[in-house]
């Protein structure tokens, strides 16, 4: 599998803790193996998306080399992609996904990280929260 400058490769539990669980940004982790055909099909999609979402860390775990990490993450099938936010699992995707489906989930994740919600995407701009004590505006 080719490497991308936008993807970190996690080889052990120490790296997993530092780069995923303790990360200050959302992280999507691709658990894969060299013998897995769908994993090979997912790799170029994952690499393309990694360059498009600077607010999200992209990580890969080779389950053959880091079995303890895969077990700790409760990975049972490949490929499995897990999204972590503040060290907590927010989403799990098992099996091959289309680039469009992954992009949609990642855009929602990045928008949340940037404080943008559905209405901000719909009407443009960032949603503003009313200041404390101020009456809500219509």
C-alpha atoms as a PDB file:
ATOM      1  CA  UNK A   1       0.000   0.000   0.000  1.00  0.00           C
ATOM      2  CA  UNK A   2       1.369   3.399  -0.881  1.00  0.00           C
ATOM      3  CA  UNK A   3       2.003   6.075   1.713  1.00  0.00           C
ATOM      4  CA  UNK A   4       0.588   9.564   1.760  1.00  0.00           C
ATOM      5  CA  UNK A   5       2.030  12.589   3.515  1.00  0.00           C
ATOM      6  CA  UNK A   6      -1.445  13.165   5.004  1.00  0.00           C
ATOM      7  CA  UNK A   7      -1.745   9.754   6.686  1.00  0.00           C
ATOM      8  CA  UNK A   8      -0.046   8.566   9.864  1.00  0.00           C
ATOM      9  CA  UNK A   9       0.738   4.883  10.270  1.00  0.00           C
ATOM     10  CA  UNK A  10       0.158   3.504  13.747  1.00  0.00           C
ATOM     11  CA  UNK A  11       2.297   0.534  14.770  1.00  0.00           C
ATOM     12  CA  UNK A  12       1.540   0.049  18.467  1.00  0.00           C
ATOM     13  CA  UNK A  13      -0.721   0.974  21.393  1.00  0.00           C
ATOM     14  CA  UNK A  14       1.541   3.825  22.484  1.00  0.00           C
ATOM     15  CA  UNK A  15       1.256   5.511  19.078  1.00  0.00           C
ATOM     16  CA  UNK A  16      -2.490   4.787  19.007  1.00  0.00           C
ATOM     17  CA  UNK A  17      -2.960   6.524  22.343  1.00  0.00           C
ATOM     18  CA  UNK A  18      -0.843   9.536  21.354  1.00  0.00           C
ATOM     19  CA  UNK A  19      -2.117   9.997  17.798  1.00  0.00           C
ATOM     20  CA  UNK A  20      -5.751   8.924  18.163  1.00  0.00           C
ATOM     21  CA  UNK A  21      -7.037   8.825  21.739  1.00  0.00           C
ATOM     22  CA  UNK A  22      -5.183  11.958  22.897  1.00  0.00           C
ATOM     23  CA  UNK A  23      -5.647  13.880  19.631  1.00  0.00           C
ATOM     24  CA  UNK A  24      -7.109  17.366  19.779  1.00  0.00           C
ATOM     25  CA  UNK A  25      -8.708  16.872  16.375  1.00  0.00           C
ATOM     26  CA  UNK A  26     -11.106  14.260  15.010  1.00  0.00           C
ATOM     27  CA  UNK A  27      -9.329  11.131  13.757  1.00  0.00           C
ATOM     28  CA  UNK A  28     -10.444   8.514  11.243  1.00  0.00           C
ATOM     29  CA  UNK A  29      -8.577   5.221  11.507  1.00  0.00           C
ATOM     30  CA  UNK A  30      -8.503   2.654   8.707  1.00  0.00           C
ATOM     31  CA  UNK A  31      -7.857  -0.864  10.023  1.00  0.00           C
ATOM     32  CA  UNK A  32      -6.587  -2.987   7.125  1.00  0.00           C
ATOM     33  CA  UNK A  33      -4.505  -6.021   6.125  1.00  0.00           C
ATOM     34  CA  UNK A  34      -2.422  -6.805   3.053  1.00  0.00           C
ATOM     35  CA  UNK A  35      -4.508  -9.898   2.179  1.00  0.00           C
ATOM     36  CA  UNK A  36      -7.803  -7.953   2.245  1.00  0.00           C
ATOM     37  CA  UNK A  37      -9.110  -7.121  -1.250  1.00  0.00           C
ATOM     38  CA  UNK A  38     -11.639  -4.473  -0.128  1.00  0.00           C
ATOM     39  CA  UNK A  39      -8.865  -2.864   1.961  1.00  0.00           C
ATOM     40  CA  UNK A  40      -6.753  -2.514  -1.168  1.00  0.00           C
ATOM     41  CA  UNK A  41      -9.707  -0.947  -3.008  1.00  0.00           C
ATOM     42  CA  UNK A  42     -10.270   1.497  -0.137  1.00  0.00           C
ATOM     43  CA  UNK A  43      -6.627   2.631   0.095  1.00  0.00           C
ATOM     44  CA  UNK A  44      -6.618   5.142  -2.823  1.00  0.00           C
ATOM     45  CA  UNK A  45      -9.963   6.575  -1.689  1.00  0.00           C
ATOM     46  CA  UNK A  46      -8.640   7.041   1.855  1.00  0.00           C
ATOM     47  CA  UNK A  47      -5.489   8.707   0.490  1.00  0.00           C
ATOM     48  CA  UNK A  48      -7.430  11.141  -1.714  1.00  0.00           C
ATOM     49  CA  UNK A  49      -9.737  12.132   1.135  1.00  0.00           C
ATOM     50  CA  UNK A  50      -6.801  12.579   3.528  1.00  0.00           C
ATOM     51  CA  UNK A  51      -5.596  15.528   1.462  1.00  0.00           C
ATOM     52  CA  UNK A  52      -9.028  17.171   1.408  1.00  0.00           C
ATOM     53  CA  UNK A  53      -9.848  17.386   5.141  1.00  0.00           C
ATOM     54  CA  UNK A  54      -7.084  19.240   7.000  1.00  0.00           C
ATOM     55  CA  UNK A  55      -9.187  19.395  10.173  1.00  0.00           C
ATOM     56  CA  UNK A  56      -9.272  15.598  10.433  1.00  0.00           C
ATOM     57  CA  UNK A  57      -6.303  13.315  11.118  1.00  0.00           C
ATOM     58  CA  UNK A  58      -6.157  10.207   8.921  1.00  0.00           C
ATOM     59  CA  UNK A  59      -4.476   7.121  10.362  1.00  0.00           C
ATOM     60  CA  UNK A  60      -3.940   3.549   9.231  1.00  0.00           C
ATOM     61  CA  UNK A  61      -3.377   0.434  11.302  1.00  0.00           C
ATOM     62  CA  UNK A  62      -2.024  -2.694   9.630  1.00  0.00           C
ATOM     63  CA  UNK A  63      -3.833  -5.349  11.666  1.00  0.00           C
ATOM     64  CA  UNK A  64      -1.222  -7.981  10.800  1.00  0.00           C
ATOM     65  CA  UNK A  65       1.544  -5.902  12.395  1.00  0.00           C
ATOM     66  CA  UNK A  66      -0.494  -4.290  15.203  1.00  0.00           C
ATOM     67  CA  UNK A  67      -2.890  -7.023  16.284  1.00  0.00           C
ATOM     68  CA  UNK A  68      -3.030  -5.659  19.827  1.00  0.00           C
ATOM     69  CA  UNK A  69      -4.255  -2.285  18.550  1.00  0.00           C
ATOM     70  CA  UNK A  70      -6.965  -3.918  16.419  1.00  0.00           C
ATOM     71  CA  UNK A  71      -8.074  -6.053  19.360  1.00  0.00           C
ATOM     72  CA  UNK A  72      -8.168  -3.043  21.688  1.00  0.00           C
ATOM     73  CA  UNK A  73     -10.329  -1.212  19.120  1.00  0.00           C
ATOM     74  CA  UNK A  74     -12.627  -4.262  18.887  1.00  0.00           C
ATOM     75  CA  UNK A  75     -12.052  -4.697  15.140  1.00  0.00           C
ATOM     76  CA  UNK A  76     -13.711  -7.895  13.921  1.00  0.00           C
ATOM     77  CA  UNK A  77     -13.879  -7.408  10.123  1.00  0.00           C
ATOM     78  CA  UNK A  78     -11.804  -5.653   7.486  1.00  0.00           C
ATOM     79  CA  UNK A  79     -11.753  -3.006   6.359  1.00  0.00           C
ATOM     80  CA  UNK A  80     -13.049  -1.174   9.403  1.00  0.00           C
ATOM     81  CA  UNK A  81     -12.898   2.588   9.718  1.00  0.00           C
ATOM     82  CA  UNK A  82     -13.440   4.166  13.109  1.00  0.00           C
ATOM     83  CA  UNK A  83     -13.920   7.868  13.748  1.00  0.00           C
ATOM     84  CA  UNK A  84     -12.702   9.155  17.111  1.00  0.00           C
ATOM     85  CA  UNK A  85     -13.497  12.545  18.609  1.00  0.00           C
ATOM     86  CA  UNK A  86     -11.890  13.495  21.928  1.00  0.00           C
ATOM     87  CA  UNK A  87     -10.729   9.904  22.335  1.00  0.00           C
ATOM     88  CA  UNK A  88     -14.254   8.497  21.995  1.00  0.00           C
ATOM     89  CA  UNK A  89     -15.657   6.379  19.160  1.00  0.00           C
ATOM     90  CA  UNK A  90     -18.161   8.476  17.196  1.00  0.00           C
ATOM     91  CA  UNK A  91     -18.717   6.280  14.158  1.00  0.00           C
ATOM     92  CA  UNK A  92     -17.758   2.828  12.879  1.00  0.00           C
ATOM     93  CA  UNK A  93     -17.904   1.791   9.230  1.00  0.00           C
ATOM     94  CA  UNK A  94     -17.310  -1.854   8.351  1.00  0.00           C
ATOM     95  CA  UNK A  95     -16.646  -2.855   4.760  1.00  0.00           C
ATOM     96  CA  UNK A  96     -15.812  -0.961   1.617  1.00  0.00           C
ATOM     97  CA  UNK A  97     -17.470   2.449   1.283  1.00  0.00           C
ATOM     98  CA  UNK A  98     -17.712   4.732  -1.733  1.00  0.00           C
ATOM     99  CA  UNK A  99     -15.694   7.922  -1.828  1.00  0.00           C
ATOM    100  CA  UNK A 100     -18.940   9.929  -1.822  1.00  0.00           C
ATOM    101  CA  UNK A 101     -20.252   8.184   1.297  1.00  0.00           C
ATOM    102  CA  UNK A 102     -16.988   8.686   3.164  1.00  0.00           C
ATOM    103  CA  UNK A 103     -16.721  12.313   2.056  1.00  0.00           C
ATOM    104  CA  UNK A 104     -20.213  13.022   3.363  1.00  0.00           C
ATOM    105  CA  UNK A 105     -19.369  11.635   6.809  1.00  0.00           C
ATOM    106  CA  UNK A 106     -16.046  13.448   6.894  1.00  0.00           C
ATOM    107  CA  UNK A 107     -17.610  16.765   5.881  1.00  0.00           C
ATOM    108  CA  UNK A 108     -20.112  16.467   8.720  1.00  0.00           C
ATOM    109  CA  UNK A 109     -17.289  15.631  11.117  1.00  0.00           C
ATOM    110  CA  UNK A 110     -15.155  18.562   9.978  1.00  0.00           C
ATOM    111  CA  UNK A 111     -18.128  20.934  10.137  1.00  0.00           C
ATOM    112  CA  UNK A 112     -18.813  19.912  13.736  1.00  0.00           C
ATOM    113  CA  UNK A 113     -15.134  20.374  14.615  1.00  0.00           C
ATOM    114  CA  UNK A 114     -15.272  23.892  13.129  1.00  0.00           C
ATOM    115  CA  UNK A 115     -18.530  24.751  14.885  1.00  0.00           C
ATOM    116  CA  UNK A 116     -20.620  24.588  11.742  1.00  0.00           C
ATOM    117  CA  UNK A 117     -23.921  22.792  11.802  1.00  0.00           C
ATOM    118  CA  UNK A 118     -26.605  21.930   9.314  1.00  0.00           C
ATOM    119  CA  UNK A 119     -28.050  25.457   9.160  1.00  0.00           C
ATOM    120  CA  UNK A 120     -24.633  27.013   8.609  1.00  0.00           C
ATOM    121  CA  UNK A 121     -24.018  24.674   5.672  1.00  0.00           C
ATOM    122  CA  UNK A 122     -27.498  25.371   4.331  1.00  0.00           C
ATOM    123  CA  UNK A 123     -27.363  29.165   4.604  1.00  0.00           C
ATOM    124  CA  UNK A 124     -23.609  29.737   4.566  1.00  0.00           C
ATOM    125  CA  UNK A 125     -21.435  31.090   7.332  1.00  0.00           C
ATOM    126  CA  UNK A 126     -20.825  29.931  10.849  1.00  0.00           C
ATOM    127  CA  UNK A 127     -23.670  29.499  13.318  1.00  0.00           C
ATOM    128  CA  UNK A 128     -23.447  32.027  16.089  1.00  0.00           C
ATOM    129  CA  UNK A 129     -24.497  31.318  19.627  1.00  0.00           C
ATOM    130  CA  UNK A 130     -26.343  34.084  21.484  1.00  0.00           C
ATOM    131  CA  UNK A 131     -24.351  35.659  24.281  1.00  0.00           C
ATOM    132  CA  UNK A 132     -25.330  34.745  27.809  1.00  0.00           C
ATOM    133  CA  UNK A 133     -28.280  36.719  29.100  1.00  0.00           C
ATOM    134  CA  UNK A 134     -29.159  38.032  25.661  1.00  0.00           C
ATOM    135  CA  UNK A 135     -32.669  37.318  24.423  1.00  0.00           C
ATOM    136  CA  UNK A 136     -32.863  34.962  21.456  1.00  0.00           C
ATOM    137  CA  UNK A 137     -33.226  36.646  18.086  1.00  0.00           C
ATOM    138  CA  UNK A 138     -35.876  35.687  15.584  1.00  0.00           C
END
